C-alpha atoms as a PDB file:
ATOM      1  CA  MET A   1      70.092  79.190 178.082  1.00  0.00           C
ATOM      2  CA  ASN A   2      72.962  81.561 178.770  1.00  0.00           C
ATOM      3  CA  THR A   3      75.965  82.030 176.487  1.00  0.00           C
ATOM      4  CA  ASP A   4      78.164  79.545 178.364  1.00  0.00           C
ATOM      5  CA  GLN A   5      75.484  76.849 178.089  1.00  0.00           C
ATOM      6  CA  LEU A   6      75.059  77.475 174.366  1.00  0.00           C
ATOM      7  CA  GLU A   7      78.816  77.287 173.843  1.00  0.00           C
ATOM      8  CA  GLY A   8      78.736  73.957 175.671  1.00  0.00           C
ATOM      9  CA  LEU A   9      76.127  72.616 173.258  1.00  0.00           C
ATOM     10  CA  PHE A  10      78.318  73.457 170.291  1.00  0.00           C
ATOM     11  CA  ARG A  11      81.429  71.946 171.890  1.00  0.00           C
ATOM     12  CA  THR A  12      79.499  68.730 172.504  1.00  0.00           C
ATOM     13  CA  GLY A  13      78.317  68.767 168.906  1.00  0.00           C
ATOM     14  CA  PHE A  14      81.810  69.412 167.557  1.00  0.00           C
ATOM     15  CA  ALA A  15      83.168  66.478 169.563  1.00  0.00           C
ATOM     16  CA  THR A  16      80.379  64.155 168.383  1.00  0.00           C
ATOM     17  CA  ILE A  17      81.305  64.569 164.709  1.00  0.00           C
ATOM     18  CA  GLY A  18      85.060  64.692 165.363  1.00  0.00           C
ATOM     19  CA  MET A  19      85.645  68.400 164.725  1.00  0.00           C
ATOM     20  CA  ALA A  20      88.311  70.320 166.617  1.00  0.00           C
ATOM     21  CA  ASP A  21      87.145  72.962 169.093  1.00  0.00           C
ATOM     22  CA  ASP A  22      87.107  76.358 167.353  1.00  0.00           C
ATOM     23  CA  HIS A  23      86.413  79.230 169.757  1.00  0.00           C
ATOM     24  CA  ALA A  24      86.027  81.891 167.048  1.00  0.00           C
ATOM     25  CA  ALA A  25      83.566  79.754 165.084  1.00  0.00           C
ATOM     26  CA  ILE A  26      81.584  78.877 168.215  1.00  0.00           C
ATOM     27  CA  ASP A  27      81.209  82.577 169.047  1.00  0.00           C
ATOM     28  CA  LYS A  28      79.644  83.094 165.607  1.00  0.00           C
ATOM     29  CA  PHE A  29      77.435  80.024 165.985  1.00  0.00           C
ATOM     30  CA  VAL A  30      76.112  81.222 169.357  1.00  0.00           C
ATOM     31  CA  PHE A  31      75.107  84.568 167.814  1.00  0.00           C
ATOM     32  CA  TYR A  32      73.578  82.772 164.812  1.00  0.00           C
ATOM     33  CA  LEU A  33      71.618  80.422 167.094  1.00  0.00           C
ATOM     34  CA  GLN A  34      70.318  83.298 169.216  1.00  0.00           C
ATOM     35  CA  GLU A  35      69.142  85.099 166.082  1.00  0.00           C
ATOM     36  CA  VAL A  36      67.419  81.941 164.771  1.00  0.00           C
ATOM     37  CA  MET A  37      65.529  81.557 168.048  1.00  0.00           C
ATOM     38  CA  LYS A  38      64.629  85.277 168.141  1.00  0.00           C
ATOM     39  CA  TRP A  39      63.449  85.487 164.518  1.00  0.00           C
ATOM     40  CA  ASN A  40      61.618  82.178 164.810  1.00  0.00           C
ATOM     41  CA  GLU A  41      59.112  83.844 167.146  1.00  0.00           C
ATOM     42  CA  LYS A  42      57.803  85.966 164.251  1.00  0.00           C
ATOM     43  CA  THR A  43      59.110  84.188 161.129  1.00  0.00           C
ATOM     44  CA  ASN A  44      58.811  80.437 160.615  1.00  0.00           C
ATOM     45  CA  LEU A  45      62.504  79.642 160.150  1.00  0.00           C
ATOM     46  CA  THR A  46      62.440  76.156 161.668  1.00  0.00           C
ATOM     47  CA  GLY A  47      60.082  73.725 163.354  1.00  0.00           C
ATOM     48  CA  HIS A  48      62.699  72.823 165.968  1.00  0.00           C
ATOM     49  CA  LYS A  49      61.899  74.555 169.250  1.00  0.00           C
ATOM     50  CA  SER A  50      64.675  73.733 171.738  1.00  0.00           C
ATOM     51  CA  GLU A  51      68.280  74.872 171.514  1.00  0.00           C
ATOM     52  CA  GLU A  52      69.488  71.250 171.570  1.00  0.00           C
ATOM     53  CA  GLU A  53      67.306  70.381 168.572  1.00  0.00           C
ATOM     54  CA  VAL A  54      68.438  73.407 166.579  1.00  0.00           C
ATOM     55  CA  VAL A  55      72.118  72.863 167.389  1.00  0.00           C
ATOM     56  CA  GLY A  56      72.015  69.146 166.605  1.00  0.00           C
ATOM     57  CA  ASN A  57      69.607  68.927 163.684  1.00  0.00           C
ATOM     58  CA  LEU A  58      70.653  72.134 161.943  1.00  0.00           C
ATOM     59  CA  PHE A  59      74.114  73.355 162.952  1.00  0.00           C
ATOM     60  CA  ILE A  60      75.972  70.090 163.618  1.00  0.00           C
ATOM     61  CA  ASP A  61      74.191  68.290 160.782  1.00  0.00           C
ATOM     62  CA  SER A  62      75.370  71.115 158.493  1.00  0.00           C
ATOM     63  CA  LEU A  63      78.948  70.953 159.758  1.00  0.00           C
ATOM     64  CA  ALA A  64      79.034  67.215 159.074  1.00  0.00           C
ATOM     65  CA  CYS A  65      78.530  68.136 155.405  1.00  0.00           C
ATOM     66  CA  THR A  66      82.028  69.644 155.272  1.00  0.00           C
ATOM     67  CA  ARG A  67      83.432  66.110 155.310  1.00  0.00           C
ATOM     68  CA  VAL A  68      82.827  65.790 151.587  1.00  0.00           C
ATOM     69  CA  PHE A  69      85.112  68.652 150.515  1.00  0.00           C
ATOM     70  CA  LEU A  70      87.716  69.040 153.256  1.00  0.00           C
ATOM     71  CA  THR A  71      90.418  67.944 150.819  1.00  0.00           C
ATOM     72  CA  ASP A  72      89.439  70.677 148.357  1.00  0.00           C
ATOM     73  CA  LYS A  73      91.402  73.940 148.531  1.00  0.00           C
ATOM     74  CA  GLY A  74      88.390  75.828 147.272  1.00  0.00           C
ATOM     75  CA  SER A  75      85.089  74.803 145.734  1.00  0.00           C
ATOM     76  CA  SER A  76      81.961  76.386 144.348  1.00  0.00           C
ATOM     77  CA  ILE A  77      79.043  75.193 146.475  1.00  0.00           C
ATOM     78  CA  LEU A  78      75.285  75.459 145.948  1.00  0.00           C
ATOM     79  CA  ASP A  79      72.768  75.076 148.804  1.00  0.00           C
ATOM     80  CA  ILE A  80      69.253  74.612 147.411  1.00  0.00           C
ATOM     81  CA  GLY A  81      66.295  75.436 149.659  1.00  0.00           C
ATOM     82  CA  THR A  82      68.570  76.716 152.407  1.00  0.00           C
ATOM     83  CA  GLY A  83      65.776  78.053 154.637  1.00  0.00           C
ATOM     84  CA  ALA A  84      67.513  79.722 157.589  1.00  0.00           C
ATOM     85  CA  GLY A  85      70.909  79.057 156.007  1.00  0.00           C
ATOM     86  CA  PHE A  86      71.502  75.347 156.559  1.00  0.00           C
ATOM     87  CA  PRO A  87      73.851  73.813 155.617  1.00  0.00           C
ATOM     88  CA  GLY A  88      75.399  76.695 153.637  1.00  0.00           C
ATOM     89  CA  ILE A  89      76.116  79.325 156.298  1.00  0.00           C
ATOM     90  CA  PRO A  90      77.660  76.993 158.924  1.00  0.00           C
ATOM     91  CA  MET A  91      79.873  75.554 156.170  1.00  0.00           C
ATOM     92  CA  GLY A  92      80.815  79.078 155.118  1.00  0.00           C
ATOM     93  CA  ILE A  93      81.825  79.974 158.679  1.00  0.00           C
ATOM     94  CA  VAL A  94      84.251  77.067 159.175  1.00  0.00           C
ATOM     95  CA  CYS A  95      85.407  76.888 155.533  1.00  0.00           C
ATOM     96  CA  PRO A  96      85.952  80.525 154.444  1.00  0.00           C
ATOM     97  CA  ARG A  97      87.745  79.495 151.229  1.00  0.00           C
ATOM     98  CA  GLN A  98      84.604  77.854 149.867  1.00  0.00           C
ATOM     99  CA  ASP A  99      82.407  79.983 147.590  1.00  0.00           C
ATOM    100  CA  ILE A 100      78.816  79.321 148.676  1.00  0.00           C
ATOM    101  CA  THR A 101      75.545  80.279 146.968  1.00  0.00           C
ATOM    102  CA  LEU A 102      72.251  79.934 148.843  1.00  0.00           C
ATOM    103  CA  VAL A 103      68.979  79.536 146.935  1.00  0.00           C
ATOM    104  CA  GLU A 104      65.821  80.434 148.877  1.00  0.00           C
ATOM    105  CA  PRO A 105      62.460  81.674 147.469  1.00  0.00           C
ATOM    106  CA  ASN A 106      60.854  82.774 150.784  1.00  0.00           C
ATOM    107  CA  LEU A 107      61.536  86.513 151.081  1.00  0.00           C
ATOM    108  CA  LYS A 108      61.190  86.595 154.881  1.00  0.00           C
ATOM    109  CA  LYS A 109      63.873  83.922 155.116  1.00  0.00           C
ATOM    110  CA  VAL A 110      65.953  85.799 152.536  1.00  0.00           C
ATOM    111  CA  ALA A 111      65.836  88.869 154.808  1.00  0.00           C
ATOM    112  CA  PHE A 112      67.094  86.745 157.682  1.00  0.00           C
ATOM    113  CA  LEU A 113      69.887  85.311 155.531  1.00  0.00           C
ATOM    114  CA  HIS A 114      71.087  88.778 154.531  1.00  0.00           C
ATOM    115  CA  HIS A 115      70.990  89.814 158.201  1.00  0.00           C
ATOM    116  CA  ILE A 116      73.125  86.857 159.310  1.00  0.00           C
ATOM    117  CA  ILE A 117      75.598  87.052 156.438  1.00  0.00           C
ATOM    118  CA  GLY A 118      76.093  90.775 157.069  1.00  0.00           C
ATOM    119  CA  SER A 119      76.279  90.460 160.847  1.00  0.00           C
ATOM    120  CA  LEU A 120      78.857  87.662 160.704  1.00  0.00           C
ATOM    121  CA  GLY A 121      80.841  89.194 157.839  1.00  0.00           C
ATOM    122  CA  LEU A 122      80.798  86.275 155.400  1.00  0.00           C
ATOM    123  CA  PRO A 123      82.063  87.533 152.013  1.00  0.00           C
ATOM    124  CA  ASN A 124      82.150  83.957 150.692  1.00  0.00           C
ATOM    125  CA  VAL A 125      78.365  83.468 151.036  1.00  0.00           C
ATOM    126  CA  ARG A 126      75.708  84.966 148.744  1.00  0.00           C
ATOM    127  CA  VAL A 127      71.921  84.630 148.456  1.00  0.00           C
ATOM    128  CA  GLU A 128      69.807  84.122 145.325  1.00  0.00           C
ATOM    129  CA  PRO A 129      66.127  84.856 146.162  1.00  0.00           C
ATOM    130  CA  CYS A 130      64.383  82.527 143.741  1.00  0.00           C
ATOM    131  CA  ARG A 131      63.187  78.977 143.199  1.00  0.00           C
ATOM    132  CA  ILE A 132      65.543  76.336 141.835  1.00  0.00           C
ATOM    133  CA  GLU A 133      63.452  76.203 138.651  1.00  0.00           C
ATOM    134  CA  GLN A 134      64.375  79.817 137.853  1.00  0.00           C
ATOM    135  CA  PHE A 135      67.913  79.601 139.207  1.00  0.00           C
ATOM    136  CA  SER A 136      68.810  76.633 137.019  1.00  0.00           C
ATOM    137  CA  GLU A 137      68.038  78.677 133.893  1.00  0.00           C
ATOM    138  CA  LYS A 138      70.395  81.571 134.694  1.00  0.00           C
ATOM    139  CA  PRO A 139      73.352  81.423 132.278  1.00  0.00           C
ATOM    140  CA  GLU A 140      75.904  82.740 134.781  1.00  0.00           C
ATOM    141  CA  PHE A 141      75.457  79.606 136.918  1.00  0.00           C
ATOM    142  CA  GLN A 142      75.704  76.971 134.174  1.00  0.00           C
ATOM    143  CA  GLU A 143      78.395  74.345 134.878  1.00  0.00           C
ATOM    144  CA  LYS A 144      79.556  76.373 137.901  1.00  0.00           C
ATOM    145  CA  PHE A 145      79.101  74.201 141.005  1.00  0.00           C
ATOM    146  CA  ASP A 146      81.409  71.476 142.310  1.00  0.00           C
ATOM    147  CA  TRP A 147      79.050  70.488 145.147  1.00  0.00           C
ATOM    148  CA  VAL A 148      75.273  70.832 145.340  1.00  0.00           C
ATOM    149  CA  PHE A 149      73.585  70.288 148.717  1.00  0.00           C
ATOM    150  CA  MET A 150      69.883  69.536 149.066  1.00  0.00           C
ATOM    151  CA  LYS A 151      69.133  69.194 152.772  1.00  0.00           C
ATOM    152  CA  ALA A 152      65.450  70.118 152.617  1.00  0.00           C
ATOM    153  CA  LEU A 153      64.556  69.259 149.020  1.00  0.00           C
ATOM    154  CA  ARG A 154      63.413  65.913 147.642  1.00  0.00           C
ATOM    155  CA  PHE A 155      66.377  64.424 145.810  1.00  0.00           C
ATOM    156  CA  ASP A 156      64.379  63.364 142.780  1.00  0.00           C
ATOM    157  CA  LEU A 157      62.975  66.866 142.303  1.00  0.00           C
ATOM    158  CA  GLY A 158      66.352  68.485 142.880  1.00  0.00           C
ATOM    159  CA  LEU A 159      68.263  66.302 140.444  1.00  0.00           C
ATOM    160  CA  ALA A 160      65.868  67.281 137.685  1.00  0.00           C
ATOM    161  CA  TYR A 161      67.262  70.820 137.813  1.00  0.00           C
ATOM    162  CA  VAL A 162      70.905  70.517 138.869  1.00  0.00           C
ATOM    163  CA  THR A 163      72.424  68.800 135.826  1.00  0.00           C
ATOM    164  CA  PRO A 164      73.166  72.034 133.905  1.00  0.00           C
ATOM    165  CA  LEU A 165      74.570  73.609 137.090  1.00  0.00           C
ATOM    166  CA  LEU A 166      77.224  70.970 137.813  1.00  0.00           C
ATOM    167  CA  SER A 167      80.855  71.525 136.921  1.00  0.00           C
ATOM    168  CA  GLU A 168      82.762  68.841 135.030  1.00  0.00           C
ATOM    169  CA  CYS A 169      83.412  66.937 138.291  1.00  0.00           C
ATOM    170  CA  GLY A 170      80.321  68.219 140.112  1.00  0.00           C
ATOM    171  CA  LYS A 171      78.427  66.070 142.617  1.00  0.00           C
ATOM    172  CA  CYS A 172      75.234  66.272 144.677  1.00  0.00           C
ATOM    173  CA  VAL A 173      75.002  65.601 148.413  1.00  0.00           C
ATOM    174  CA  PHE A 174      71.870  64.551 150.294  1.00  0.00           C
ATOM    175  CA  CYS A 175      71.572  64.486 154.098  1.00  0.00           C
ATOM    176  CA  ARG A 176      69.580  61.351 154.867  1.00  0.00           C
ATOM    177  CA  ALA A 177      68.509  59.158 157.766  1.00  0.00           C
ATOM    178  CA  GLU A 178      68.880  55.977 155.709  1.00  0.00           C
ATOM    179  CA  PRO A 179      70.767  54.829 152.588  1.00  0.00           C
ATOM    180  CA  LEU A 180      69.414  55.800 149.202  1.00  0.00           C
ATOM    181  CA  ARG A 181      68.206  52.738 147.337  1.00  0.00           C
ATOM    182  CA  PRO A 182      69.817  52.513 143.874  1.00  0.00           C
ATOM    183  CA  ASP A 183      66.444  51.946 142.218  1.00  0.00           C
ATOM    184  CA  LEU A 184      65.303  55.364 143.473  1.00  0.00           C
ATOM    185  CA  VAL A 185      68.184  57.216 141.833  1.00  0.00           C
ATOM    186  CA  PRO A 186      67.030  58.884 138.576  1.00  0.00           C
ATOM    187  CA  LYS A 187      68.469  57.700 135.278  1.00  0.00           C
ATOM    188  CA  GLY A 188      71.789  59.325 134.488  1.00  0.00           C
ATOM    189  CA  PHE A 189      72.969  59.429 138.135  1.00  0.00           C
ATOM    190  CA  SER A 190      74.511  56.917 140.510  1.00  0.00           C
ATOM    191  CA  VAL A 191      75.393  56.755 144.223  1.00  0.00           C
ATOM    192  CA  LEU A 192      79.156  57.341 144.517  1.00  0.00           C
ATOM    193  CA  ASP A 193      79.625  57.152 148.284  1.00  0.00           C
ATOM    194  CA  GLU A 194      77.800  57.256 151.635  1.00  0.00           C
ATOM    195  CA  LEU A 195      79.393  58.767 154.750  1.00  0.00           C
ATOM    196  CA  PRO A 196      77.681  57.898 158.065  1.00  0.00           C
ATOM    197  CA  TYR A 197      77.827  60.065 161.202  1.00  0.00           C
ATOM    198  CA  GLU A 198      76.041  60.514 164.533  1.00  0.00           C
ATOM    199  CA  LEU A 199      74.237  63.609 165.771  1.00  0.00           C
ATOM    200  CA  PRO A 200      74.625  64.785 169.395  1.00  0.00           C
ATOM    201  CA  PHE A 201      71.993  64.753 172.166  1.00  0.00           C
ATOM    202  CA  GLY A 202      70.584  61.387 171.084  1.00  0.00           C
ATOM    203  CA  LEU A 203      69.174  62.822 167.857  1.00  0.00           C
ATOM    204  CA  GLY A 204      70.130  59.740 165.870  1.00  0.00           C
ATOM    205  CA  ASN A 205      72.340  58.657 163.001  1.00  0.00           C
ATOM    206  CA  ARG A 206      72.587  60.258 159.566  1.00  0.00           C
ATOM    207  CA  LEU A 207      74.548  59.772 156.382  1.00  0.00           C
ATOM    208  CA  LEU A 208      75.748  61.905 153.521  1.00  0.00           C
ATOM    209  CA  CYS A 209      74.732  60.353 150.219  1.00  0.00           C
ATOM    210  CA  ILE A 210      76.972  61.534 147.378  1.00  0.00           C
ATOM    211  CA  VAL A 211      75.400  61.249 143.935  1.00  0.00           C
ATOM    212  CA  GLY A 212      76.991  62.102 140.604  1.00  0.00           C
ATOM    213  CA  PRO A 213      76.224  61.871 136.890  1.00  0.00           C
ATOM    214  CA  VAL A 214      77.036  58.547 135.283  1.00  0.00           C
END
């Protein structure tokens, strides 16, 4: 696809989730998408092969996550198992006042993340190259994060490590295809809210499940 076609995909995606058209952000997303597709030929960044799948399932799905903190002037956000930077980097592009930390253990993906963050000039986004098990033990991150996103990590495994990382009002957000049954939520947590949305290009419906300590 050429640049105009890629821009069209993002505009369709923006409209689907009710976001205003943002030309500057779309320019950055087009570059980001092109780099994902280029690097994916030699580094396994994503299993999605077409531009529509990557835009819908990764970029637009990530942007839908901003719904949970749009009322916040500035938050400390943790993205666990970010992979190629989703949802953290797209959120960092459209919400530059948010302080975002990406946790990713795969060093090839970490190299890609540094490349994108540097190329796009995102001072509000940083990368921690480690597993969540090690990250959760670092004293400088204790009680730091207002929002913790786990797009690619099993919620039950993730919650086992995030408790010491949450700020006083901290919450966890899971991107899911179906509601989270209360009986599956680990002891000490409860489902606070669920925000449904639709992905573009017929990719289906999703919801943001917000979970917090009891």
